[in-house]
């Protein structure tokens, strides 16, 4: 199986440029960077005193919290779908 070509994409997050190297399409990397930038701006609006490092850590914590909630919701949804499928199979 052929390995994907790694791309170098330069993005701007919180007024700083970063070069991201990866196999994801450039459009995906730009979207991710844009979402990180938006989240950092959102947190910075209510916490002007934070330095960049603390702002980045808070952004990571908030993002991971959102991710875990979505992962839990996804697991519940899958469980619900499986229960419905099991219930339908028993009715047949």
N, C-alpha and C. Protein backbone atom coordinates (compact mmCIF):
# COMPACT_ATOMS: atom_id res chain seq x y z
N UNK A 1 0.84 -1.18 0.00
CA UNK A 1 0.00 0.00 0.00
C UNK A 1 0.89 1.24 0.00
N UNK A 2 0.60 2.17 -0.87
CA UNK A 2 1.42 3.38 -1.00
C UNK A 2 1.20 4.30 0.20
N UNK A 3 2.27 4.86 0.64
CA UNK A 3 2.21 5.80 1.75
C UNK A 3 1.85 7.18 1.23
N UNK A 4 1.03 7.90 1.99
CA UNK A 4 0.64 9.25 1.59
C UNK A 4 1.85 10.18 1.62
N UNK A 5 1.81 11.12 0.71
CA UNK A 5 2.86 12.15 0.66
C UNK A 5 2.65 13.12 1.82
N UNK A 6 3.71 13.42 2.54
CA UNK A 6 3.61 14.38 3.64
C UNK A 6 3.69 15.80 3.09
N UNK A 7 2.81 16.64 3.59
CA UNK A 7 2.77 18.02 3.15
C UNK A 7 3.22 18.95 4.26
N UNK A 8 3.77 20.09 3.85
CA UNK A 8 4.13 21.16 4.79
C UNK A 8 3.18 22.31 4.54
N UNK A 9 2.44 22.68 5.58
CA UNK A 9 1.48 23.76 5.46
C UNK A 9 1.78 24.78 6.56
N UNK A 10 1.88 26.04 6.17
CA UNK A 10 2.09 27.10 7.15
C UNK A 10 0.74 27.72 7.48
N UNK A 11 0.46 27.78 8.78
CA UNK A 11 -0.80 28.34 9.27
C UNK A 11 -0.49 29.41 10.31
N UNK A 12 -1.50 30.23 10.59
CA UNK A 12 -1.33 31.24 11.64
C UNK A 12 -2.33 30.95 12.75
N UNK A 13 -1.80 30.84 13.97
CA UNK A 13 -2.62 30.60 15.15
C UNK A 13 -2.21 31.63 16.19
N UNK A 14 -3.16 32.41 16.65
CA UNK A 14 -2.93 33.44 17.66
C UNK A 14 -1.77 34.36 17.27
N UNK A 15 -1.83 34.80 16.02
CA UNK A 15 -0.86 35.75 15.45
C UNK A 15 0.57 35.23 15.36
N UNK A 16 0.72 33.92 15.34
CA UNK A 16 2.04 33.31 15.15
C UNK A 16 1.95 32.28 14.04
N UNK A 17 3.00 32.20 13.24
CA UNK A 17 3.02 31.23 12.13
C UNK A 17 3.61 29.90 12.61
N UNK A 18 2.98 28.82 12.16
CA UNK A 18 3.43 27.46 12.47
C UNK A 18 3.43 26.67 11.18
N UNK A 19 4.46 25.84 11.01
CA UNK A 19 4.50 24.93 9.88
C UNK A 19 4.10 23.55 10.37
N UNK A 20 3.04 23.04 9.78
CA UNK A 20 2.51 21.73 10.14
C UNK A 20 2.91 20.75 9.05
N UNK A 21 3.48 19.63 9.45
CA UNK A 21 3.87 18.60 8.50
C UNK A 21 3.01 17.37 8.78
N UNK A 22 2.32 16.88 7.73
CA UNK A 22 1.47 15.73 7.93
C UNK A 22 0.91 15.21 6.62
N UNK A 23 0.11 14.18 6.74
CA UNK A 23 -0.46 13.52 5.58
C UNK A 23 -1.88 13.99 5.27
N UNK A 24 -2.46 14.78 6.14
CA UNK A 24 -3.82 15.28 5.92
C UNK A 24 -3.81 16.32 4.80
N UNK A 25 -4.92 16.46 4.09
CA UNK A 25 -5.00 17.49 3.05
C UNK A 25 -4.82 18.89 3.66
N UNK A 26 -4.25 19.79 2.88
CA UNK A 26 -3.99 21.15 3.35
C UNK A 26 -5.28 21.80 3.85
N UNK A 27 -6.39 21.56 3.18
CA UNK A 27 -7.66 22.18 3.59
C UNK A 27 -8.06 21.73 4.99
N UNK A 28 -7.79 20.48 5.32
CA UNK A 28 -8.10 19.95 6.66
C UNK A 28 -7.21 20.61 7.71
N UNK A 29 -5.93 20.70 7.42
CA UNK A 29 -4.98 21.31 8.36
C UNK A 29 -5.36 22.77 8.60
N UNK A 30 -5.72 23.48 7.54
CA UNK A 30 -6.12 24.89 7.69
C UNK A 30 -7.40 25.01 8.53
N UNK A 31 -8.34 24.09 8.34
CA UNK A 31 -9.57 24.10 9.13
C UNK A 31 -9.26 23.88 10.60
N UNK A 32 -8.43 22.89 10.89
CA UNK A 32 -8.05 22.60 12.28
C UNK A 32 -7.37 23.81 12.90
N UNK A 33 -6.42 24.40 12.17
CA UNK A 33 -5.71 25.58 12.68
C UNK A 33 -6.68 26.73 12.93
N UNK A 34 -7.64 26.91 12.04
CA UNK A 34 -8.63 27.97 12.20
C UNK A 34 -9.48 27.75 13.45
N UNK A 35 -9.87 26.52 13.69
CA UNK A 35 -10.67 26.21 14.88
C UNK A 35 -9.87 26.43 16.16
N UNK A 36 -8.59 26.05 16.14
CA UNK A 36 -7.73 26.29 17.30
C UNK A 36 -7.59 27.79 17.54
N UNK A 37 -7.37 28.54 16.47
CA UNK A 37 -7.24 29.99 16.57
C UNK A 37 -8.52 30.60 17.14
N UNK A 38 -9.67 30.15 16.66
CA UNK A 38 -10.95 30.67 17.17
C UNK A 38 -11.12 30.38 18.65
N UNK A 39 -10.77 29.15 19.05
CA UNK A 39 -10.91 28.76 20.46
C UNK A 39 -9.97 29.58 21.33
N UNK A 40 -8.75 29.80 20.86
CA UNK A 40 -7.80 30.61 21.63
C UNK A 40 -8.32 32.04 21.76
N UNK A 41 -8.84 32.60 20.68
CA UNK A 41 -9.40 33.95 20.72
C UNK A 41 -10.57 34.03 21.70
N UNK A 42 -11.42 33.03 21.66
CA UNK A 42 -12.59 32.98 22.56
C UNK A 42 -12.14 32.99 24.02
N UNK A 43 -11.17 32.15 24.35
CA UNK A 43 -10.68 32.08 25.73
C UNK A 43 -9.95 33.38 26.10
N UNK A 44 -9.19 33.92 25.16
CA UNK A 44 -8.44 35.15 25.42
C UNK A 44 -9.38 36.33 25.69
N UNK A 45 -10.55 36.35 25.05
CA UNK A 45 -11.51 37.43 25.26
C UNK A 45 -11.92 37.55 26.73
N UNK A 46 -12.04 36.43 27.40
CA UNK A 46 -12.46 36.47 28.81
C UNK A 46 -11.29 36.35 29.79
N UNK A 47 -10.08 36.18 29.27
CA UNK A 47 -8.88 36.03 30.12
C UNK A 47 -7.72 36.79 29.49
N UNK A 48 -7.80 38.10 29.41
CA UNK A 48 -6.77 38.91 28.74
C UNK A 48 -5.39 38.79 29.39
N UNK A 49 -5.34 38.42 30.65
CA UNK A 49 -4.07 38.38 31.38
C UNK A 49 -3.23 37.13 31.08
N UNK A 50 -3.78 36.14 30.40
CA UNK A 50 -3.05 34.89 30.16
C UNK A 50 -1.93 35.08 29.15
N UNK A 51 -0.78 34.49 29.45
CA UNK A 51 0.28 34.47 28.45
C UNK A 51 -0.03 33.36 27.43
N UNK A 52 0.74 33.32 26.36
CA UNK A 52 0.45 32.38 25.27
C UNK A 52 0.49 30.93 25.73
N UNK A 53 1.43 30.59 26.59
CA UNK A 53 1.53 29.20 27.05
C UNK A 53 0.29 28.79 27.84
N UNK A 54 -0.12 29.63 28.77
CA UNK A 54 -1.30 29.30 29.57
C UNK A 54 -2.55 29.28 28.69
N UNK A 55 -2.62 30.20 27.75
CA UNK A 55 -3.74 30.24 26.81
C UNK A 55 -3.79 28.95 25.98
N UNK A 56 -2.64 28.50 25.53
CA UNK A 56 -2.57 27.27 24.74
C UNK A 56 -2.99 26.06 25.57
N UNK A 57 -2.56 26.01 26.82
CA UNK A 57 -2.93 24.88 27.69
C UNK A 57 -4.43 24.90 27.96
N UNK A 58 -4.98 26.06 28.26
CA UNK A 58 -6.43 26.15 28.48
C UNK A 58 -7.20 25.76 27.22
N UNK A 59 -6.70 26.15 26.08
CA UNK A 59 -7.33 25.77 24.81
C UNK A 59 -7.30 24.26 24.64
N UNK A 60 -6.16 23.65 24.93
CA UNK A 60 -6.04 22.19 24.83
C UNK A 60 -6.98 21.48 25.81
N UNK A 61 -7.07 21.98 27.03
CA UNK A 61 -7.95 21.38 28.04
C UNK A 61 -9.41 21.49 27.59
N UNK A 62 -9.81 22.68 27.13
CA UNK A 62 -11.18 22.88 26.66
C UNK A 62 -11.49 21.98 25.47
N UNK A 63 -10.55 21.89 24.54
CA UNK A 63 -10.75 21.08 23.34
C UNK A 63 -10.84 19.60 23.70
N UNK A 64 -9.99 19.13 24.61
CA UNK A 64 -10.04 17.73 25.02
C UNK A 64 -11.34 17.43 25.76
N UNK A 65 -11.81 18.38 26.56
CA UNK A 65 -13.08 18.21 27.25
C UNK A 65 -14.22 18.06 26.23
N UNK A 66 -14.23 18.93 25.23
CA UNK A 66 -15.24 18.83 24.17
C UNK A 66 -15.15 17.49 23.45
N UNK A 67 -13.93 17.06 23.16
CA UNK A 67 -13.71 15.78 22.47
C UNK A 67 -14.25 14.61 23.29
N UNK A 68 -13.94 14.59 24.58
CA UNK A 68 -14.40 13.48 25.43
C UNK A 68 -15.91 13.46 25.55
N UNK A 69 -16.54 14.63 25.62
CA UNK A 69 -18.00 14.68 25.66
C UNK A 69 -18.59 14.12 24.36
N UNK A 70 -18.02 14.52 23.24
CA UNK A 70 -18.49 14.01 21.95
C UNK A 70 -18.28 12.50 21.84
N UNK A 71 -17.15 12.03 22.32
CA UNK A 71 -16.85 10.60 22.28
C UNK A 71 -17.86 9.82 23.13
N UNK A 72 -18.19 10.36 24.29
CA UNK A 72 -19.18 9.73 25.17
C UNK A 72 -20.56 9.73 24.50
N UNK A 73 -20.94 10.87 23.91
CA UNK A 73 -22.23 10.95 23.21
C UNK A 73 -22.28 9.95 22.06
N UNK A 74 -21.17 9.81 21.34
CA UNK A 74 -21.09 8.87 20.23
C UNK A 74 -21.27 7.43 20.72
N UNK A 75 -20.61 7.10 21.83
CA UNK A 75 -20.73 5.75 22.39
C UNK A 75 -22.17 5.47 22.82
N UNK A 76 -22.83 6.47 23.44
CA UNK A 76 -24.23 6.30 23.83
C UNK A 76 -25.12 6.10 22.61
N UNK A 77 -24.87 6.89 21.57
CA UNK A 77 -25.65 6.78 20.35
C UNK A 77 -25.49 5.39 19.71
N UNK A 78 -24.24 4.92 19.65
CA UNK A 78 -24.01 3.57 19.10
C UNK A 78 -24.72 2.51 19.92
N UNK A 79 -24.65 2.66 21.25
CA UNK A 79 -25.33 1.71 22.13
C UNK A 79 -26.83 1.72 21.89
N UNK A 80 -27.40 2.92 21.72
CA UNK A 80 -28.83 3.05 21.45
C UNK A 80 -29.20 2.39 20.12
N UNK A 81 -28.40 2.60 19.11
CA UNK A 81 -28.65 1.99 17.79
C UNK A 81 -28.58 0.47 17.89
N UNK A 82 -27.59 -0.04 18.59
CA UNK A 82 -27.46 -1.50 18.75
C UNK A 82 -28.65 -2.07 19.51
N UNK A 83 -29.09 -1.35 20.55
CA UNK A 83 -30.26 -1.82 21.30
C UNK A 83 -31.50 -1.87 20.42
N UNK A 84 -31.69 -0.86 19.59
CA UNK A 84 -32.83 -0.84 18.67
C UNK A 84 -32.73 -1.98 17.67
N UNK A 85 -31.54 -2.22 17.16
CA UNK A 85 -31.35 -3.32 16.20
C UNK A 85 -31.64 -4.65 16.85
N UNK A 86 -31.15 -4.84 18.10
CA UNK A 86 -31.40 -6.09 18.83
C UNK A 86 -32.90 -6.27 19.08
N UNK A 87 -33.55 -5.20 19.45
CA UNK A 87 -34.99 -5.24 19.72
C UNK A 87 -35.76 -5.61 18.45
N UNK A 88 -35.36 -5.03 17.32
CA UNK A 88 -36.02 -5.34 16.05
C UNK A 88 -35.78 -6.78 15.64
N UNK A 89 -34.58 -7.31 15.87
CA UNK A 89 -34.29 -8.70 15.51
C UNK A 89 -35.13 -9.65 16.35
N UNK A 90 -35.32 -9.32 17.63
CA UNK A 90 -36.11 -10.19 18.50
C UNK A 90 -37.58 -10.20 18.11
N UNK A 91 -38.06 -9.09 17.55
CA UNK A 91 -39.46 -8.99 17.14
C UNK A 91 -39.74 -9.80 15.88
N UNK A 92 -38.73 -10.10 15.09
CA UNK A 92 -38.93 -10.83 13.82
C UNK A 92 -39.05 -12.29 14.01
